[in-house]
C-alpha atoms as a PDB file:
ATOM      1  CA  MET A   1     -51.464 -52.714 109.823  1.00  0.00           C
ATOM      2  CA  ALA A   2     -51.526 -53.212 106.079  1.00  0.00           C
ATOM      3  CA  GLU A   3     -55.155 -52.098 105.933  1.00  0.00           C
ATOM      4  CA  VAL A   4     -54.324 -48.933 107.866  1.00  0.00           C
ATOM      5  CA  LEU A   5     -51.455 -48.122 105.496  1.00  0.00           C
ATOM      6  CA  ILE A   6     -53.688 -48.721 102.483  1.00  0.00           C
ATOM      7  CA  THR A   7     -56.360 -46.441 103.975  1.00  0.00           C
ATOM      8  CA  LEU A   8     -53.814 -43.729 104.695  1.00  0.00           C
ATOM      9  CA  GLY A   9     -52.492 -44.071 101.157  1.00  0.00           C
ATOM     10  CA  ILE A  10     -55.971 -43.619  99.711  1.00  0.00           C
ATOM     11  CA  ILE A  11     -56.577 -40.583 101.928  1.00  0.00           C
ATOM     12  CA  GLY A  12     -53.260 -39.127 100.765  1.00  0.00           C
ATOM     13  CA  VAL A  13     -54.150 -39.586  97.104  1.00  0.00           C
ATOM     14  CA  VAL A  14     -57.583 -38.043  97.567  1.00  0.00           C
ATOM     15  CA  ALA A  15     -56.100 -35.121  99.494  1.00  0.00           C
ATOM     16  CA  ALA A  16     -53.473 -34.552  96.802  1.00  0.00           C
ATOM     17  CA  MET A  17     -56.227 -34.462  94.185  1.00  0.00           C
ATOM     18  CA  THR A  18     -58.664 -32.210  96.034  1.00  0.00           C
ATOM     19  CA  LEU A  19     -56.350 -29.816  97.889  1.00  0.00           C
ATOM     20  CA  PRO A  20     -55.350 -27.762  94.801  1.00  0.00           C
ATOM     21  CA  VAL A  21     -59.024 -27.354  93.911  1.00  0.00           C
ATOM     22  CA  LEU A  22     -59.871 -26.203  97.434  1.00  0.00           C
ATOM     23  CA  VAL A  23     -56.987 -23.723  97.421  1.00  0.00           C
ATOM     24  CA  THR A  24     -58.048 -22.326  94.024  1.00  0.00           C
ATOM     25  CA  ASN A  25     -61.668 -21.995  95.127  1.00  0.00           C
ATOM     26  CA  TYR A  26     -60.610 -20.167  98.276  1.00  0.00           C
ATOM     27  CA  ARG A  27     -58.360 -17.767  96.346  1.00  0.00           C
ATOM     28  CA  ASN A  28     -61.142 -17.013  93.889  1.00  0.00           C
ATOM     29  CA  MET A  29     -63.652 -16.430  96.690  1.00  0.00           C
ATOM     30  CA  VAL A  30     -61.271 -13.969  98.376  1.00  0.00           C
ATOM     31  CA  LEU A  31     -60.726 -12.084  95.098  1.00  0.00           C
ATOM     32  CA  GLU A  32     -64.474 -11.916  94.458  1.00  0.00           C
ATOM     33  CA  ASN A  33     -65.155 -10.445  97.893  1.00  0.00           C
ATOM     34  CA  GLN A  34     -62.297  -7.958  97.526  1.00  0.00           C
ATOM     35  CA  PHE A  35     -63.554  -6.903  94.096  1.00  0.00           C
ATOM     36  CA  LYS A  36     -67.078  -6.291  95.387  1.00  0.00           C
ATOM     37  CA  LYS A  37     -65.752  -4.279  98.325  1.00  0.00           C
ATOM     38  CA  SER A  38     -63.469  -2.186  96.105  1.00  0.00           C
ATOM     39  CA  TYR A  39     -66.224  -1.514  93.582  1.00  0.00           C
ATOM     40  CA  SER A  40     -68.537  -0.370  96.374  1.00  0.00           C
ATOM     41  CA  ILE A  41     -65.927   2.027  97.796  1.00  0.00           C
ATOM     42  CA  LEU A  42     -64.984   3.386  94.366  1.00  0.00           C
ATOM     43  CA  SER A  43     -68.642   3.957  93.466  1.00  0.00           C
ATOM     44  CA  ARG A  44     -69.439   5.706  96.748  1.00  0.00           C
ATOM     45  CA  ALA A  45     -66.408   7.972  96.338  1.00  0.00           C
ATOM     46  CA  LEU A  46     -67.640   8.875  92.855  1.00  0.00           C
ATOM     47  CA  ILE A  47     -71.017   9.878  94.291  1.00  0.00           C
ATOM     48  CA  GLY A  48     -69.322  12.173  96.788  1.00  0.00           C
ATOM     49  CA  THR A  49     -67.120  13.633  94.061  1.00  0.00           C
ATOM     50  CA  LYS A  50     -70.145  14.330  91.879  1.00  0.00           C
ATOM     51  CA  GLU A  51     -71.945  16.039  94.757  1.00  0.00           C
ATOM     52  CA  GLU A  52     -68.974  18.351  95.326  1.00  0.00           C
ATOM     53  CA  LEU A  53     -67.918  19.091  91.736  1.00  0.00           C
ATOM     54  CA  GLY A  54     -71.318  18.874  90.122  1.00  0.00           C
ATOM     55  CA  GLU A  55     -72.809  16.464  87.622  1.00  0.00           C
ATOM     56  CA  ASN A  56     -71.466  15.568  84.175  1.00  0.00           C
ATOM     57  CA  LEU A  57     -68.077  14.404  85.397  1.00  0.00           C
ATOM     58  CA  HIS A  58     -67.906  12.254  82.288  1.00  0.00           C
ATOM     59  CA  GLN A  59     -67.611  15.372  80.148  1.00  0.00           C
ATOM     60  CA  ASN A  60     -64.492  17.479  79.654  1.00  0.00           C
ATOM     61  CA  TYR A  61     -65.658  19.721  82.481  1.00  0.00           C
ATOM     62  CA  ILE A  62     -62.393  21.411  83.564  1.00  0.00           C
ATOM     63  CA  PRO A  63     -61.551  24.329  81.238  1.00  0.00           C
ATOM     64  CA  GLY A  64     -57.876  24.731  80.465  1.00  0.00           C
ATOM     65  CA  GLN A  65     -56.864  21.331  81.843  1.00  0.00           C
ATOM     66  CA  PRO A  66     -54.882  19.153  79.431  1.00  0.00           C
ATOM     67  CA  GLU A  67     -56.281  15.822  78.368  1.00  0.00           C
ATOM     68  CA  GLY A  68     -54.229  12.673  78.621  1.00  0.00           C
ATOM     69  CA  TRP A  69     -51.613  11.762  81.190  1.00  0.00           C
ATOM     70  CA  SER A  70     -51.764  14.769  83.519  1.00  0.00           C
ATOM     71  CA  GLY A  71     -55.358  15.914  83.093  1.00  0.00           C
ATOM     72  CA  ALA A  72     -58.270  16.012  85.540  1.00  0.00           C
ATOM     73  CA  VAL A  73     -56.207  17.050  88.562  1.00  0.00           C
ATOM     74  CA  GLU A  74     -59.235  18.478  90.327  1.00  0.00           C
ATOM     75  CA  PHE A  75     -61.198  15.281  89.825  1.00  0.00           C
ATOM     76  CA  ARG A  76     -58.357  13.097  91.083  1.00  0.00           C
ATOM     77  CA  GLU A  77     -57.731  15.169  94.203  1.00  0.00           C
ATOM     78  CA  THR A  78     -61.428  15.316  95.048  1.00  0.00           C
ATOM     79  CA  TYR A  79     -61.940  11.635  94.345  1.00  0.00           C
ATOM     80  CA  PHE A  80     -58.942  10.673  96.479  1.00  0.00           C
ATOM     81  CA  LYS A  81     -60.349  12.798  99.299  1.00  0.00           C
ATOM     82  CA  TYR A  82     -63.593  10.849  99.322  1.00  0.00           C
ATOM     83  CA  LEU A  83     -61.758   7.530  99.063  1.00  0.00           C
ATOM     84  CA  GLN A  84     -59.749   8.466 102.146  1.00  0.00           C
ATOM     85  CA  LYS A  85     -62.955   9.257 104.016  1.00  0.00           C
ATOM     86  CA  LEU A  86     -64.248   5.762 103.214  1.00  0.00           C
ATOM     87  CA  SER A  87     -60.957   3.932 103.765  1.00  0.00           C
ATOM     88  CA  ASP A  88     -58.239   6.098 105.271  1.00  0.00           C
ATOM     89  CA  GLY A  89     -55.058   5.944 103.216  1.00  0.00           C
ATOM     90  CA  SER A  90     -52.089   7.862 101.832  1.00  0.00           C
ATOM     91  CA  ILE A  91     -50.343   8.589  98.526  1.00  0.00           C
ATOM     92  CA  ASP A  92     -47.640   6.036  97.787  1.00  0.00           C
ATOM     93  CA  GLN A  93     -44.996   7.116  95.276  1.00  0.00           C
ATOM     94  CA  MET A  94     -44.263   3.767  93.661  1.00  0.00           C
ATOM     95  CA  ASN A  95     -43.191   4.570  90.130  1.00  0.00           C
ATOM     96  CA  ASN A  96     -42.260   0.954  89.358  1.00  0.00           C
ATOM     97  CA  PHE A  97     -45.366  -0.688  90.814  1.00  0.00           C
ATOM     98  CA  GLY A  98     -46.983  -1.319  87.439  1.00  0.00           C
ATOM     99  CA  GLN A  99     -43.948  -3.112  86.066  1.00  0.00           C
ATOM    100  CA  ASP A 100     -44.874  -6.224  88.036  1.00  0.00           C
ATOM    101  CA  TRP A 101     -48.308  -6.670  86.476  1.00  0.00           C
ATOM    102  CA  LYS A 102     -49.363  -9.375  84.029  1.00  0.00           C
ATOM    103  CA  SER A 103     -52.151  -9.598  81.490  1.00  0.00           C
ATOM    104  CA  PHE A 104     -55.223 -11.786  81.993  1.00  0.00           C
ATOM    105  CA  SER A 105     -53.489 -14.680  80.241  1.00  0.00           C
ATOM    106  CA  GLY A 106     -50.346 -14.309  82.345  1.00  0.00           C
ATOM    107  CA  VAL A 107     -48.158 -12.385  79.877  1.00  0.00           C
ATOM    108  CA  LYS A 108     -45.949  -9.716  81.488  1.00  0.00           C
ATOM    109  CA  GLU A 109     -47.616  -6.319  81.110  1.00  0.00           C
ATOM    110  CA  SER A 110     -46.118  -3.034  79.983  1.00  0.00           C
ATOM    111  CA  SER A 111     -45.354  -0.460  82.664  1.00  0.00           C
ATOM    112  CA  TYR A 112     -48.451   0.924  84.440  1.00  0.00           C
ATOM    113  CA  LEU A 113     -50.840  -0.696  81.946  1.00  0.00           C
ATOM    114  CA  GLY A 114     -50.286   2.421  79.858  1.00  0.00           C
ATOM    115  CA  LEU A 115     -51.811   4.651  82.514  1.00  0.00           C
ATOM    116  CA  GLY A 116     -48.904   5.880  84.597  1.00  0.00           C
ATOM    117  CA  ALA A 117     -49.151   6.994  88.199  1.00  0.00           C
ATOM    118  CA  VAL A 118     -49.015  10.727  88.923  1.00  0.00           C
ATOM    119  CA  PRO A 119     -48.676  11.796  91.691  1.00  0.00           C
ATOM    120  CA  GLY A 120     -48.770   8.161  92.811  1.00  0.00           C
ATOM    121  CA  TYR A 121     -51.123   5.453  93.969  1.00  0.00           C
ATOM    122  CA  LEU A 122     -53.549   6.027  96.804  1.00  0.00           C
ATOM    123  CA  LEU A 123     -52.962   3.236  99.321  1.00  0.00           C
ATOM    124  CA  LEU A 124     -56.204   2.543 101.168  1.00  0.00           C
ATOM    125  CA  ALA A 125     -56.479   1.148 104.673  1.00  0.00           C
ATOM    126  CA  ASP A 126     -57.267  -2.373 103.445  1.00  0.00           C
ATOM    127  CA  GLY A 127     -54.178  -2.504 101.198  1.00  0.00           C
ATOM    128  CA  THR A 128     -55.966  -1.584  97.969  1.00  0.00           C
ATOM    129  CA  TYR A 129     -54.104   0.624  95.477  1.00  0.00           C
ATOM    130  CA  VAL A 130     -55.993   3.157  93.355  1.00  0.00           C
ATOM    131  CA  THR A 131     -54.761   5.565  90.706  1.00  0.00           C
ATOM    132  CA  VAL A 132     -56.795   8.047  88.657  1.00  0.00           C
ATOM    133  CA  LEU A 133     -55.983   9.621  85.311  1.00  0.00           C
ATOM    134  CA  LYS A 134     -57.694  11.270  82.416  1.00  0.00           C
ATOM    135  CA  ASN A 135     -56.803   9.652  79.136  1.00  0.00           C
ATOM    136  CA  ASN A 136     -58.341  10.737  75.814  1.00  0.00           C
ATOM    137  CA  SER A 137     -61.159  12.589  77.613  1.00  0.00           C
ATOM    138  CA  ARG A 138     -62.022   9.506  79.687  1.00  0.00           C
ATOM    139  CA  LEU A 139     -61.619   9.365  83.449  1.00  0.00           C
ATOM    140  CA  ASN A 140     -59.718   6.146  84.148  1.00  0.00           C
ATOM    141  CA  ILE A 141     -59.682   4.522  87.577  1.00  0.00           C
ATOM    142  CA  LEU A 142     -57.222   1.672  88.007  1.00  0.00           C
ATOM    143  CA  VAL A 143     -57.435  -0.487  91.132  1.00  0.00           C
ATOM    144  CA  ASP A 144     -55.342  -3.331  92.496  1.00  0.00           C
ATOM    145  CA  ILE A 145     -57.722  -4.911  95.000  1.00  0.00           C
ATOM    146  CA  ASN A 146     -54.981  -6.568  97.080  1.00  0.00           C
ATOM    147  CA  GLY A 147     -52.020  -4.232  96.550  1.00  0.00           C
ATOM    148  CA  ARG A 148     -48.581  -5.818  96.452  1.00  0.00           C
ATOM    149  CA  LYS A 149     -49.948  -9.325  96.928  1.00  0.00           C
ATOM    150  CA  LYS A 150     -49.886 -11.678  93.971  1.00  0.00           C
ATOM    151  CA  PRO A 151     -50.938 -12.365  91.304  1.00  0.00           C
ATOM    152  CA  ASN A 152     -50.892  -8.654  90.208  1.00  0.00           C
ATOM    153  CA  ARG A 153     -52.743  -9.698  87.098  1.00  0.00           C
ATOM    154  CA  THR A 154     -55.476  -7.943  85.123  1.00  0.00           C
ATOM    155  CA  GLY A 155     -58.807  -9.632  85.550  1.00  0.00           C
ATOM    156  CA  TYR A 156     -57.659 -11.285  88.779  1.00  0.00           C
ATOM    157  CA  ASP A 157     -56.727  -8.511  91.209  1.00  0.00           C
ATOM    158  CA  VAL A 158     -56.114  -5.583  88.824  1.00  0.00           C
ATOM    159  CA  PHE A 159     -59.144  -3.904  87.235  1.00  0.00           C
ATOM    160  CA  LEU A 160     -59.673  -0.847  85.056  1.00  0.00           C
ATOM    161  CA  PHE A 161     -62.814   1.253  85.420  1.00  0.00           C
ATOM    162  CA  VAL A 162     -63.844   4.382  83.548  1.00  0.00           C
ATOM    163  CA  VAL A 163     -66.536   6.953  84.204  1.00  0.00           C
ATOM    164  CA  ASP A 164     -69.268   6.223  81.680  1.00  0.00           C
ATOM    165  CA  THR A 165     -69.211   8.613  78.704  1.00  0.00           C
ATOM    166  CA  ASN A 166     -72.975   9.143  79.059  1.00  0.00           C
ATOM    167  CA  GLN A 167     -73.415   9.339  82.831  1.00  0.00           C
ATOM    168  CA  ASP A 168     -71.478   9.681  86.080  1.00  0.00           C
ATOM    169  CA  LYS A 169     -71.212   5.966  86.749  1.00  0.00           C
ATOM    170  CA  LEU A 170     -68.330   3.503  86.971  1.00  0.00           C
ATOM    171  CA  VAL A 171     -68.250   1.005  84.134  1.00  0.00           C
ATOM    172  CA  SER A 172     -65.697  -1.270  82.536  1.00  0.00           C
ATOM    173  CA  TRP A 173     -63.125   0.117  80.089  1.00  0.00           C
ATOM    174  CA  SER A 174     -64.724  -2.206  77.517  1.00  0.00           C
ATOM    175  CA  ASN A 175     -67.063  -5.194  77.302  1.00  0.00           C
ATOM    176  CA  GLU A 176     -65.343  -6.822  74.326  1.00  0.00           C
ATOM    177  CA  LYS A 177     -64.424 -10.448  74.996  1.00  0.00           C
ATOM    178  CA  THR A 178     -61.278 -10.048  72.868  1.00  0.00           C
ATOM    179  CA  TYR A 179     -59.874  -7.905  75.693  1.00  0.00           C
ATOM    180  CA  CYS A 180     -60.513 -10.639  78.255  1.00  0.00           C
ATOM    181  CA  ASP A 181     -58.903 -13.596  76.514  1.00  0.00           C
ATOM    182  CA  LYS A 182     -57.321 -16.323  78.642  1.00  0.00           C
ATOM    183  CA  ASN A 183     -55.437 -17.671  75.592  1.00  0.00           C
ATOM    184  CA  SER A 184     -53.935 -14.435  74.287  1.00  0.00           C
ATOM    185  CA  LYS A 185     -50.148 -14.448  73.880  1.00  0.00           C
ATOM    186  CA  THR A 186     -49.855 -10.660  73.902  1.00  0.00           C
ATOM    187  CA  ALA A 187     -50.189  -8.134  76.713  1.00  0.00           C
ATOM    188  CA  GLY A 188     -51.256  -4.563  75.999  1.00  0.00           C
ATOM    189  CA  TYR A 189     -55.026  -4.407  76.345  1.00  0.00           C
ATOM    190  CA  ASN A 190     -55.771  -8.011  77.250  1.00  0.00           C
ATOM    191  CA  GLY A 191     -57.531  -8.094  80.604  1.00  0.00           C
ATOM    192  CA  ARG A 192     -58.920  -4.590  80.573  1.00  0.00           C
ATOM    193  CA  ALA A 193     -62.400  -5.764  79.592  1.00  0.00           C
ATOM    194  CA  CYS A 194     -62.384  -8.399  82.336  1.00  0.00           C
ATOM    195  CA  THR A 195     -63.761  -5.706  84.629  1.00  0.00           C
ATOM    196  CA  TYR A 196     -67.051  -5.976  82.735  1.00  0.00           C
ATOM    197  CA  PHE A 197     -67.289  -9.738  83.158  1.00  0.00           C
ATOM    198  CA  ALA A 198     -66.278  -9.466  86.817  1.00  0.00           C
ATOM    199  CA  MET A 199     -69.049  -6.906  87.372  1.00  0.00           C
ATOM    200  CA  ILE A 200     -71.713  -9.197  85.920  1.00  0.00           C
ATOM    201  CA  ASN A 201     -69.906 -12.258  87.357  1.00  0.00           C
ATOM    202  CA  GLN A 202     -69.980 -14.133  84.066  1.00  0.00           C
ATOM    203  CA  ASN A 203     -67.302 -16.267  82.445  1.00  0.00           C
ATOM    204  CA  PRO A 204     -66.488 -14.586  79.094  1.00  0.00           C
ATOM    205  CA  ASP A 205     -66.198 -18.015  77.453  1.00  0.00           C
ATOM    206  CA  ASP A 206     -69.262 -19.639  79.035  1.00  0.00           C
ATOM    207  CA  LYS A 207     -72.293 -17.635  80.156  1.00  0.00           C
ATOM    208  CA  THR A 208     -73.467 -20.517  82.358  1.00  0.00           C
ATOM    209  CA  LYS A 209     -70.415 -20.177  84.621  1.00  0.00           C
ATOM    210  CA  GLN A 210     -69.503 -17.487  87.126  1.00  0.00           C
ATOM    211  CA  TYR A 211     -66.489 -15.283  86.483  1.00  0.00           C
ATOM    212  CA  PHE A 212     -64.520 -15.608  89.690  1.00  0.00           C
ATOM    213  CA  LYS A 213     -65.197 -19.300  90.155  1.00  0.00           C
ATOM    214  CA  SER A 214     -63.729 -19.868  86.678  1.00  0.00           C
ATOM    215  CA  LEU A 215     -60.352 -18.211  87.288  1.00  0.00           C
ATOM    216  CA  LYS A 216     -57.400 -20.549  86.748  1.00  0.00           C
ATOM    217  CA  TRP A 217     -54.072 -20.323  88.542  1.00  0.00           C
END
């Protein structure tokens, strides 16, 4: 009986040590798969948008449209249309959605990551949220790959893409490691460059490690 209790105790200790690691690995694997799926859908919608509106989407191609918060209405509406064809969804007017986000290091983010949400977020069939805006002549595409589910954190389930300034292709807002810093104590822009490292699946602090497998909870 004593031997059985000792064995069960050892199993319990081992389970307590390994279970958190297994849970973390599973979470990271789910996020990686969701990111890849979202990137594929976003890229395909951009191709359809380019075919309809013409090339050079990265340029200020809409005469008379204001830059900044409310610009690029035609692009957004067309892009949303192609997203809905790929993953049927609807506009969700959630003006406080962005207030629940955190930076890559876990610091509470400012509302909407500075992007806003007009006329709202497009809720796709798989629960993904997408919003599109033109800010300083750049087409910004913000995606939360698992919607309202946690952690609502840049670099984990919230990613910022832009249309490349030289071609009609989705790229990261930046590739500067300083904007993907796990130790930063400030919010603002921290996490926005994590899109780049997620795309190449590389840990910003260690090139020998994969991005998603390195996420800490």
